[in-house]
C-alpha atoms as a PDB file:
ATOM      1  CA  MET A   1     157.269 128.741  76.396  1.00  0.00           C
ATOM      2  CA  SER A   2     155.684 125.527  76.739  1.00  0.00           C
ATOM      3  CA  ARG A   3     157.084 123.005  79.695  1.00  0.00           C
ATOM      4  CA  LYS A   4     157.956 119.835  78.661  1.00  0.00           C
ATOM      5  CA  VAL A   5     156.836 116.809  80.753  1.00  0.00           C
ATOM      6  CA  HIS A   6     159.773 114.375  82.028  1.00  0.00           C
ATOM      7  CA  PRO A   7     159.641 111.099  80.503  1.00  0.00           C
ATOM      8  CA  ARG A   8     159.221 109.296  84.295  1.00  0.00           C
ATOM      9  CA  ARG A   9     156.576 111.523  85.441  1.00  0.00           C
ATOM     10  CA  GLY A  10     155.080 110.889  82.053  1.00  0.00           C
ATOM     11  CA  LYS A  11     155.291 107.285  82.686  1.00  0.00           C
ATOM     12  CA  ARG A  12     153.974 107.442  86.133  1.00  0.00           C
ATOM     13  CA  LEU A  13     151.137 109.221  84.750  1.00  0.00           C
ATOM     14  CA  ALA A  14     150.287 106.474  81.853  1.00  0.00           C
ATOM     15  CA  LEU A  15     150.497 104.041  84.692  1.00  0.00           C
ATOM     16  CA  ALA A  16     147.927 105.747  87.255  1.00  0.00           C
ATOM     17  CA  LEU A  17     145.768 105.989  84.479  1.00  0.00           C
ATOM     18  CA  ILE A  18     146.084 102.203  83.396  1.00  0.00           C
ATOM     19  CA  ALA A  19     145.588 101.587  86.864  1.00  0.00           C
ATOM     20  CA  ALA A  20     142.664 103.861  87.514  1.00  0.00           C
ATOM     21  CA  LEU A  21     140.835 102.142  84.065  1.00  0.00           C
ATOM     22  CA  LEU A  22     141.830  98.386  85.395  1.00  0.00           C
ATOM     23  CA  LEU A  23     140.173  99.232  88.918  1.00  0.00           C
ATOM     24  CA  SER A  24     137.318 100.746  87.404  1.00  0.00           C
ATOM     25  CA  ALA A  25     136.775  97.536  85.220  1.00  0.00           C
ATOM     26  CA  ALA A  26     137.326  95.576  87.790  1.00  0.00           C
ATOM     27  CA  TYR A  27     134.411  97.690  90.080  1.00  0.00           C
ATOM     28  CA  LEU A  28     132.319  97.477  87.273  1.00  0.00           C
ATOM     29  CA  ARG A  29     132.335  93.865  86.715  1.00  0.00           C
ATOM     30  CA  TRP A  30     131.818  93.519  90.489  1.00  0.00           C
ATOM     31  CA  GLU A  31     128.671  95.298  90.478  1.00  0.00           C
ATOM     32  CA  ASN A  32     127.124  93.113  88.037  1.00  0.00           C
ATOM     33  CA  ARG A  33     128.268  89.982  89.261  1.00  0.00           C
ATOM     34  CA  ALA A  34     128.403  90.138  92.980  1.00  0.00           C
ATOM     35  CA  LEU A  35     124.621  89.264  94.410  1.00  0.00           C
ATOM     36  CA  GLN A  36     123.290  91.205  97.090  1.00  0.00           C
ATOM     37  CA  VAL A  37     120.699  89.805  99.317  1.00  0.00           C
ATOM     38  CA  THR A  38     118.663  92.077 100.721  1.00  0.00           C
ATOM     39  CA  HIS A  39     115.943  91.971 103.606  1.00  0.00           C
ATOM     40  CA  PHE A  40     112.369  93.481 104.187  1.00  0.00           C
ATOM     41  CA  ASP A  41     109.872  92.955 106.493  1.00  0.00           C
ATOM     42  CA  PRO A  42     106.755  94.343 105.311  1.00  0.00           C
ATOM     43  CA  SER A  43     103.400  94.644 107.792  1.00  0.00           C
ATOM     44  CA  PHE A  44      99.678  94.332 106.535  1.00  0.00           C
ATOM     45  CA  THR A  45      96.556  94.153 108.902  1.00  0.00           C
ATOM     46  CA  ASP A  46      94.959  91.523 106.906  1.00  0.00           C
ATOM     47  CA  LEU A  47      97.558  89.105 106.866  1.00  0.00           C
ATOM     48  CA  PRO A  48      96.209  85.629 108.052  1.00  0.00           C
ATOM     49  CA  ALA A  49      97.875  84.788 111.273  1.00  0.00           C
ATOM     50  CA  GLY A  50      98.836  81.837 109.702  1.00  0.00           C
ATOM     51  CA  PHE A  51     101.119  83.453 107.147  1.00  0.00           C
ATOM     52  CA  GLU A  52     103.316  85.273 110.122  1.00  0.00           C
ATOM     53  CA  GLY A  53     106.899  85.322 109.769  1.00  0.00           C
ATOM     54  CA  CYS A  54     106.564  83.624 106.020  1.00  0.00           C
ATOM     55  CA  ARG A  55     109.875  84.311 104.095  1.00  0.00           C
ATOM     56  CA  ILE A  56     109.607  84.698 100.285  1.00  0.00           C
ATOM     57  CA  ALA A  57     112.429  84.938  98.071  1.00  0.00           C
ATOM     58  CA  VAL A  58     111.157  87.648  94.807  1.00  0.00           C
ATOM     59  CA  LEU A  59     113.654  86.913  91.818  1.00  0.00           C
ATOM     60  CA  SER A  60     113.566  88.544  88.773  1.00  0.00           C
ATOM     61  CA  ASP A  61     115.439  89.405  85.202  1.00  0.00           C
ATOM     62  CA  LEU A  62     118.087  87.094  85.030  1.00  0.00           C
ATOM     63  CA  HIS A  63     118.168  87.838  80.996  1.00  0.00           C
ATOM     64  CA  GLY A  64     119.879  84.628  80.290  1.00  0.00           C
ATOM     65  CA  ALA A  65     122.944  85.622  83.163  1.00  0.00           C
ATOM     66  CA  SER A  66     125.123  82.911  84.798  1.00  0.00           C
ATOM     67  CA  PHE A  67     126.059  83.551  88.093  1.00  0.00           C
ATOM     68  CA  GLY A  68     128.387  81.015  88.621  1.00  0.00           C
ATOM     69  CA  GLU A  69     129.067  77.794  86.732  1.00  0.00           C
ATOM     70  CA  GLY A  70     125.371  76.970  85.818  1.00  0.00           C
ATOM     71  CA  ASN A  71     123.891  79.652  87.958  1.00  0.00           C
ATOM     72  CA  GLN A  72     125.090  77.631  91.000  1.00  0.00           C
ATOM     73  CA  ALA A  73     126.119  80.993  93.294  1.00  0.00           C
ATOM     74  CA  LEU A  74     122.486  81.991  92.904  1.00  0.00           C
ATOM     75  CA  PHE A  75     120.680  78.903  93.757  1.00  0.00           C
ATOM     76  CA  ASP A  76     123.231  78.493  96.622  1.00  0.00           C
ATOM     77  CA  ALA A  77     122.783  82.158  98.140  1.00  0.00           C
ATOM     78  CA  VAL A  78     118.843  81.559  97.595  1.00  0.00           C
ATOM     79  CA  ALA A  79     118.750  78.131  99.114  1.00  0.00           C
ATOM     80  CA  ALA A  80     120.924  79.681 102.101  1.00  0.00           C
ATOM     81  CA  GLU A  81     117.729  82.447 102.882  1.00  0.00           C
ATOM     82  CA  GLU A  82     115.861  78.877 103.429  1.00  0.00           C
ATOM     83  CA  PRO A  83     112.722  80.890 102.146  1.00  0.00           C
ATOM     84  CA  GLU A  84     109.431  79.133 102.110  1.00  0.00           C
ATOM     85  CA  TYR A  85     108.657  80.490  98.594  1.00  0.00           C
ATOM     86  CA  ILE A  86     109.810  81.581  95.698  1.00  0.00           C
ATOM     87  CA  PHE A  87     108.279  84.250  93.055  1.00  0.00           C
ATOM     88  CA  TYR A  88     109.714  84.803  89.692  1.00  0.00           C
ATOM     89  CA  LEU A  89     108.462  87.679  87.897  1.00  0.00           C
ATOM     90  CA  GLY A  90     109.671  87.785  84.463  1.00  0.00           C
ATOM     91  CA  ASP A  91     112.388  88.459  82.036  1.00  0.00           C
ATOM     92  CA  LEU A  92     114.026  84.976  82.462  1.00  0.00           C
ATOM     93  CA  GLU A  93     115.131  84.972  78.945  1.00  0.00           C
ATOM     94  CA  ASP A  94     116.683  88.382  77.098  1.00  0.00           C
ATOM     95  CA  ARG A  95     115.683  89.025  73.098  1.00  0.00           C
ATOM     96  CA  PHE A  96     119.290  90.424  72.411  1.00  0.00           C
ATOM     97  CA  ARG A  97     120.502  86.842  73.735  1.00  0.00           C
ATOM     98  CA  GLY A  98     117.864  84.798  72.360  1.00  0.00           C
ATOM     99  CA  HIS A  99     116.875  80.890  73.840  1.00  0.00           C
ATOM    100  CA  GLN A 100     119.522  79.243  75.263  1.00  0.00           C
ATOM    101  CA  PRO A 101     118.927  75.319  75.346  1.00  0.00           C
ATOM    102  CA  GLY A 102     118.450  73.950  78.227  1.00  0.00           C
ATOM    103  CA  TYR A 103     118.602  77.377  80.343  1.00  0.00           C
ATOM    104  CA  ALA A 104     114.783  77.581  81.748  1.00  0.00           C
ATOM    105  CA  GLY A 105     114.760  74.223  82.596  1.00  0.00           C
ATOM    106  CA  GLU A 106     118.113  74.024  84.532  1.00  0.00           C
ATOM    107  CA  VAL A 107     116.256  76.971  86.392  1.00  0.00           C
ATOM    108  CA  ALA A 108     113.376  76.088  87.129  1.00  0.00           C
ATOM    109  CA  SER A 109     114.302  72.543  88.196  1.00  0.00           C
ATOM    110  CA  ALA A 110     116.844  74.516  90.573  1.00  0.00           C
ATOM    111  CA  LEU A 111     115.030  76.332  92.149  1.00  0.00           C
ATOM    112  CA  SER A 112     111.754  74.318  92.568  1.00  0.00           C
ATOM    113  CA  ALA A 113     114.235  71.699  94.497  1.00  0.00           C
ATOM    114  CA  ILE A 114     114.930  74.807  97.063  1.00  0.00           C
ATOM    115  CA  ALA A 115     111.096  76.100  97.470  1.00  0.00           C
ATOM    116  CA  PRO A 116     107.690  76.300  95.824  1.00  0.00           C
ATOM    117  CA  THR A 117     108.735  78.495  93.091  1.00  0.00           C
ATOM    118  CA  TYR A 118     105.570  80.379  91.137  1.00  0.00           C
ATOM    119  CA  TYR A 119     106.431  82.542  87.781  1.00  0.00           C
ATOM    120  CA  VAL A 120     104.933  85.182  85.474  1.00  0.00           C
ATOM    121  CA  THR A 121     106.517  86.150  81.939  1.00  0.00           C
ATOM    122  CA  GLY A 122     108.235  89.437  81.130  1.00  0.00           C
ATOM    123  CA  ASN A 123     107.914  91.241  78.298  1.00  0.00           C
ATOM    124  CA  HIS A 124     111.443  89.636  76.766  1.00  0.00           C
ATOM    125  CA  GLU A 125     110.177  85.803  76.864  1.00  0.00           C
ATOM    126  CA  TRP A 126     107.124  87.139  74.294  1.00  0.00           C
ATOM    127  CA  ALA A 127     109.882  89.424  72.176  1.00  0.00           C
ATOM    128  CA  ASN A 128     111.815  86.089  71.679  1.00  0.00           C
ATOM    129  CA  GLY A 129     108.712  83.767  70.880  1.00  0.00           C
ATOM    130  CA  GLY A 130     108.504  80.566  71.817  1.00  0.00           C
ATOM    131  CA  VAL A 131     106.306  80.814  75.193  1.00  0.00           C
ATOM    132  CA  PRO A 132     104.358  77.614  74.969  1.00  0.00           C
ATOM    133  CA  GLU A 133     107.546  75.973  75.075  1.00  0.00           C
ATOM    134  CA  LEU A 134     109.272  77.907  77.751  1.00  0.00           C
ATOM    135  CA  LYS A 135     106.196  77.405  79.695  1.00  0.00           C
ATOM    136  CA  LYS A 136     105.848  73.912  79.570  1.00  0.00           C
ATOM    137  CA  ALA A 137     109.544  73.647  80.006  1.00  0.00           C
ATOM    138  CA  LEU A 138     109.323  75.514  83.556  1.00  0.00           C
ATOM    139  CA  SER A 139     106.436  73.206  84.386  1.00  0.00           C
ATOM    140  CA  GLU A 140     108.150  69.799  83.471  1.00  0.00           C
ATOM    141  CA  ASN A 141     110.735  71.297  86.252  1.00  0.00           C
ATOM    142  CA  GLY A 142     108.558  72.081  88.904  1.00  0.00           C
ATOM    143  CA  VAL A 143     107.793  75.328  88.606  1.00  0.00           C
ATOM    144  CA  THR A 144     103.850  76.539  88.496  1.00  0.00           C
ATOM    145  CA  VAL A 145     103.375  78.809  86.032  1.00  0.00           C
ATOM    146  CA  LEU A 146     101.001  81.386  86.525  1.00  0.00           C
ATOM    147  CA  SER A 147      99.464  82.627  83.501  1.00  0.00           C
ATOM    148  CA  ASN A 148      96.277  84.894  84.016  1.00  0.00           C
ATOM    149  CA  ARG A 149      94.910  82.524  86.797  1.00  0.00           C
ATOM    150  CA  TYR A 150      95.340  82.383  90.834  1.00  0.00           C
ATOM    151  CA  VAL A 151      96.118  79.416  93.258  1.00  0.00           C
ATOM    152  CA  THR A 152      95.492  79.085  97.096  1.00  0.00           C
ATOM    153  CA  LEU A 153      98.563  79.108  99.310  1.00  0.00           C
ATOM    154  CA  GLU A 154      97.898  77.579 102.723  1.00  0.00           C
ATOM    155  CA  ARG A 155     100.361  77.774 105.919  1.00  0.00           C
ATOM    156  CA  ASN A 156      99.849  77.050 109.247  1.00  0.00           C
ATOM    157  CA  GLY A 157      95.758  77.045 109.465  1.00  0.00           C
ATOM    158  CA  GLY A 158      95.869  80.352 107.349  1.00  0.00           C
ATOM    159  CA  SER A 159      95.353  81.054 103.564  1.00  0.00           C
ATOM    160  CA  ILE A 160      96.103  83.735 100.995  1.00  0.00           C
ATOM    161  CA  ILE A 161      95.339  83.810  97.175  1.00  0.00           C
ATOM    162  CA  LEU A 162      98.198  83.965  95.134  1.00  0.00           C
ATOM    163  CA  ALA A 163      97.328  85.596  91.553  1.00  0.00           C
ATOM    164  CA  GLY A 164      99.841  86.065  88.222  1.00  0.00           C
ATOM    165  CA  ILE A 165      99.495  88.060  85.135  1.00  0.00           C
ATOM    166  CA  ASP A 166     101.377  87.097  81.749  1.00  0.00           C
ATOM    167  CA  ASP A 167     102.978  90.292  80.365  1.00  0.00           C
ATOM    168  CA  PRO A 168     100.788  92.866  78.154  1.00  0.00           C
ATOM    169  CA  ASN A 169     103.210  91.688  75.444  1.00  0.00           C
ATOM    170  CA  GLY A 170     101.196  88.477  75.317  1.00  0.00           C
ATOM    171  CA  TYR A 171      98.379  87.229  73.373  1.00  0.00           C
ATOM    172  CA  ALA A 172      95.889  89.958  72.686  1.00  0.00           C
ATOM    173  CA  ASP A 173      92.775  87.978  73.361  1.00  0.00           C
ATOM    174  CA  GLN A 174      94.404  87.068  76.996  1.00  0.00           C
ATOM    175  CA  LYS A 175      92.214  87.582  79.971  1.00  0.00           C
ATOM    176  CA  THR A 176      92.735  90.969  81.381  1.00  0.00           C
ATOM    177  CA  PRO A 177      94.018  91.675  85.006  1.00  0.00           C
ATOM    178  CA  GLN A 178      90.351  93.395  85.440  1.00  0.00           C
ATOM    179  CA  GLU A 179      89.164  90.214  84.595  1.00  0.00           C
ATOM    180  CA  LEU A 180      91.143  87.943  86.507  1.00  0.00           C
ATOM    181  CA  ALA A 181      90.100  90.088  89.926  1.00  0.00           C
ATOM    182  CA  ALA A 182      87.067  89.962  88.825  1.00  0.00           C
ATOM    183  CA  GLU A 183      87.043  85.983  88.970  1.00  0.00           C
ATOM    184  CA  LEU A 184      89.188  85.951  92.072  1.00  0.00           C
ATOM    185  CA  TYR A 185      86.520  87.970  93.942  1.00  0.00           C
ATOM    186  CA  ALA A 186      83.528  86.347  92.513  1.00  0.00           C
ATOM    187  CA  ASN A 187      85.066  82.895  93.958  1.00  0.00           C
ATOM    188  CA  GLU A 188      87.190  83.692  97.006  1.00  0.00           C
ATOM    189  CA  GLY A 189      85.402  86.716  98.262  1.00  0.00           C
ATOM    190  CA  ASP A 190      87.316  89.356  99.736  1.00  0.00           C
ATOM    191  CA  PRO A 191      90.939  87.705 100.548  1.00  0.00           C
ATOM    192  CA  PHE A 192      94.107  88.455 101.446  1.00  0.00           C
ATOM    193  CA  TRP A 193      95.839  88.245  98.028  1.00  0.00           C
ATOM    194  CA  LEU A 194      99.005  88.784  96.181  1.00  0.00           C
ATOM    195  CA  LEU A 195      99.500  89.882  92.684  1.00  0.00           C
ATOM    196  CA  LEU A 196     102.814  88.904  90.325  1.00  0.00           C
ATOM    197  CA  ALA A 197     102.796  91.398  87.443  1.00  0.00           C
ATOM    198  CA  HIS A 198     106.498  91.656  85.591  1.00  0.00           C
ATOM    199  CA  ARG A 199     105.720  95.292  84.931  1.00  0.00           C
ATOM    200  CA  ASN A 200     106.402  98.291  87.610  1.00  0.00           C
ATOM    201  CA  ASN A 201     105.550 100.765  85.435  1.00  0.00           C
ATOM    202  CA  ARG A 202     101.660  99.593  85.339  1.00  0.00           C
ATOM    203  CA  PHE A 203     101.272  99.743  89.112  1.00  0.00           C
ATOM    204  CA  LYS A 204     100.033 103.716  89.262  1.00  0.00           C
ATOM    205  CA  GLY A 205      97.851 103.739  86.251  1.00  0.00           C
ATOM    206  CA  GLU A 206      96.056 100.027  86.319  1.00  0.00           C
ATOM    207  CA  TYR A 207      97.612  97.231  89.025  1.00  0.00           C
ATOM    208  CA  ARG A 208      97.240  99.350  91.949  1.00  0.00           C
ATOM    209  CA  LEU A 209      93.235  99.742  91.230  1.00  0.00           C
ATOM    210  CA  LEU A 210      92.621  95.582  91.403  1.00  0.00           C
ATOM    211  CA  GLY A 211      92.536  95.855  95.066  1.00  0.00           C
ATOM    212  CA  ALA A 212      95.531  93.155  95.706  1.00  0.00           C
ATOM    213  CA  ASP A 213      97.347  93.444  99.007  1.00  0.00           C
ATOM    214  CA  LEU A 214     100.666  93.321  97.889  1.00  0.00           C
ATOM    215  CA  VAL A 215     101.582  93.695  94.020  1.00  0.00           C
ATOM    216  CA  LEU A 216     105.318  92.487  93.221  1.00  0.00           C
ATOM    217  CA  SER A 217     107.160  93.760  89.896  1.00  0.00           C
ATOM    218  CA  GLY A 218     110.266  93.499  88.564  1.00  0.00           C
ATOM    219  CA  HIS A 219     111.049  95.059  85.055  1.00  0.00           C
ATOM    220  CA  GLY A 220     112.433  98.442  86.246  1.00  0.00           C
ATOM    221  CA  HIS A 221     116.165  96.973  87.005  1.00  0.00           C
ATOM    222  CA  GLY A 222     116.412  99.648  89.849  1.00  0.00           C
ATOM    223  CA  GLY A 223     116.430 102.311  87.717  1.00  0.00           C
ATOM    224  CA  LEU A 224     120.013 100.919  85.950  1.00  0.00           C
ATOM    225  CA  TRP A 225     122.645 103.471  87.796  1.00  0.00           C
ATOM    226  CA  ARG A 226     121.428 104.560  91.324  1.00  0.00           C
ATOM    227  CA  PHE A 227     122.746 107.597  92.997  1.00  0.00           C
ATOM    228  CA  PRO A 228     121.803 108.757  96.747  1.00  0.00           C
ATOM    229  CA  GLY A 229     118.408 111.228  96.528  1.00  0.00           C
ATOM    230  CA  THR A 230     116.828 109.343  93.501  1.00  0.00           C
ATOM    231  CA  ASP A 231     115.041 106.181  92.599  1.00  0.00           C
ATOM    232  CA  GLY A 232     117.114 105.256  89.900  1.00  0.00           C
ATOM    233  CA  LEU A 233     118.864 107.674  86.964  1.00  0.00           C
ATOM    234  CA  ILE A 234     117.213 105.378  83.640  1.00  0.00           C
ATOM    235  CA  GLY A 235     113.581 104.224  83.164  1.00  0.00           C
ATOM    236  CA  ASN A 236     112.788 101.826  80.837  1.00  0.00           C
ATOM    237  CA  ASP A 237     111.517 104.439  78.785  1.00  0.00           C
ATOM    238  CA  PHE A 238     114.699 105.716  78.635  1.00  0.00           C
ATOM    239  CA  LYS A 239     113.282 108.474  80.850  1.00  0.00           C
ATOM    240  CA  LEU A 240     115.946 110.230  83.332  1.00  0.00           C
ATOM    241  CA  PHE A 241     114.517 109.992  86.984  1.00  0.00           C
ATOM    242  CA  PRO A 242     111.993 107.299  86.890  1.00  0.00           C
ATOM    243  CA  SER A 243     109.931 105.915  90.057  1.00  0.00           C
ATOM    244  CA  TYR A 244     108.816 102.272  91.358  1.00  0.00           C
ATOM    245  CA  MET A 245     112.297 101.216  90.372  1.00  0.00           C
ATOM    246  CA  ALA A 246     113.240  99.561  94.090  1.00  0.00           C
ATOM    247  CA  GLY A 247     111.474  98.497  97.150  1.00  0.00           C
ATOM    248  CA  PHE A 248     108.027  99.508  98.346  1.00  0.00           C
ATOM    249  CA  TYR A 249     105.543 101.831  97.472  1.00  0.00           C
ATOM    250  CA  ARG A 250     101.816 102.512  98.290  1.00  0.00           C
ATOM    251  CA  GLU A 251      98.958 103.829  96.394  1.00  0.00           C
ATOM    252  CA  HIS A 252      95.000 103.305  96.807  1.00  0.00           C
ATOM    253  CA  GLY A 253      95.265 101.162  99.384  1.00  0.00           C
ATOM    254  CA  SER A 254      97.569  98.717  97.670  1.00  0.00           C
ATOM    255  CA  THR A 255     101.371  98.041  98.177  1.00  0.00           C
ATOM    256  CA  LEU A 256     103.880  97.526  95.716  1.00  0.00           C
ATOM    257  CA  PHE A 257     107.358  95.643  95.991  1.00  0.00           C
ATOM    258  CA  VAL A 258     110.113  96.173  93.013  1.00  0.00           C
ATOM    259  CA  THR A 259     112.779  94.166  92.917  1.00  0.00           C
ATOM    260  CA  ARG A 260     116.259  95.831  91.294  1.00  0.00           C
ATOM    261  CA  GLY A 261     116.248  92.092  89.343  1.00  0.00           C
ATOM    262  CA  LEU A 262     119.306  90.166  88.564  1.00  0.00           C
ATOM    263  CA  GLY A 263     120.561  90.531  85.181  1.00  0.00           C
ATOM    264  CA  ASN A 264     121.114  93.105  82.475  1.00  0.00           C
ATOM    265  CA  SER A 265     119.806  93.510  78.788  1.00  0.00           C
ATOM    266  CA  GLY A 266     121.537  93.741  75.833  1.00  0.00           C
ATOM    267  CA  ARG A 267     124.790  95.736  76.754  1.00  0.00           C
ATOM    268  CA  SER A 268     123.326  97.342  78.976  1.00  0.00           C
ATOM    269  CA  PHE A 269     125.244  97.874  83.018  1.00  0.00           C
ATOM    270  CA  ARG A 270     124.328  98.584  86.487  1.00  0.00           C
ATOM    271  CA  LEU A 271     126.213 101.047  88.458  1.00  0.00           C
ATOM    272  CA  PHE A 272     125.998 101.381  92.641  1.00  0.00           C
ATOM    273  CA  ASN A 273     122.973  98.612  91.626  1.00  0.00           C
ATOM    274  CA  ARG A 274     124.037  95.378  92.580  1.00  0.00           C
ATOM    275  CA  PRO A 275     121.964  91.986  91.342  1.00  0.00           C
ATOM    276  CA  GLU A 276     119.585  91.708  93.998  1.00  0.00           C
ATOM    277  CA  ILE A 277     117.898  88.697  95.955  1.00  0.00           C
ATOM    278  CA  ALA A 278     115.437  90.270  97.790  1.00  0.00           C
ATOM    279  CA  ILE A 279     113.416  88.270 101.005  1.00  0.00           C
ATOM    280  CA  LEU A 280     110.515  89.121 102.334  1.00  0.00           C
ATOM    281  CA  THR A 281     109.247  88.206 105.448  1.00  0.00           C
ATOM    282  CA  LEU A 282     105.378  88.743 106.390  1.00  0.00           C
ATOM    283  CA  HIS A 283     104.327  90.421 109.281  1.00  0.00           C
ATOM    284  CA  GLN A 284     100.292  91.171 110.836  1.00  0.00           C
ATOM    285  CA  THR A 285     100.586  94.668 111.877  1.00  0.00           C
ATOM    286  CA  GLN A 286     100.398  94.671 115.587  1.00  0.00           C
ATOM    287  CA  GLN A 287      96.995  95.965 116.698  1.00  0.00           C
ATOM    288  CA  ASP A 288      97.200  98.444 119.802  1.00  0.00           C
END
């Protein structure tokens, strides 16, 4: 004999279910819209003394998103950290959203007003097309675009090299990372150098072999959903439990830093993985 559910009890259960769904939706929205500033203090034996304490904001993977009206919440949060440099690591645009008129220029103008800003392309810019126009908009609004080239940064009497490569989705005949590294060593000797390269998943097989002291990447979105004991649940190749998703890794004498990035591509969403503004403060390793 089946038991009947009391009408009031059924109503209470329905209300509880609705409340739980609303709370879950609110939490997911917060998880994907509430910026998180994370601080890191990497140390390097060969870091020039002039760069001790240098603060760098590392951003990536906006994918056309907005944090506050006109991204003002993002810009305010970055400015509050008082970075000396800003590195943007690709996927400013999203191939599913397409071009947003004025978006790239507005982001570039706001970031470059905070600190000197350096940019490399990601895969989504190339999937969208119109990369030359995008680079022009960024350059005209104060951002230095590093397309398979390098520049010298100077601070307190010291200097380091900052190199940047276009995403592999770029032109088939573009300068390779290996050619750029060879050019750098031929012209600069054996400097302390940083490499901006969008794709985190190319570090182990390729970028770690170039000799950079620090490679900075995005692309992985932190593995989308992050759970304790994992480095993210889903990789960009849709394989489970990927690596090189967030934070620092060391291979072959080279160090990789991966930011979890800011936006989402298409209909993906983050879980336990808030949008990240990463602040790196460089240090010299203390000698005994």
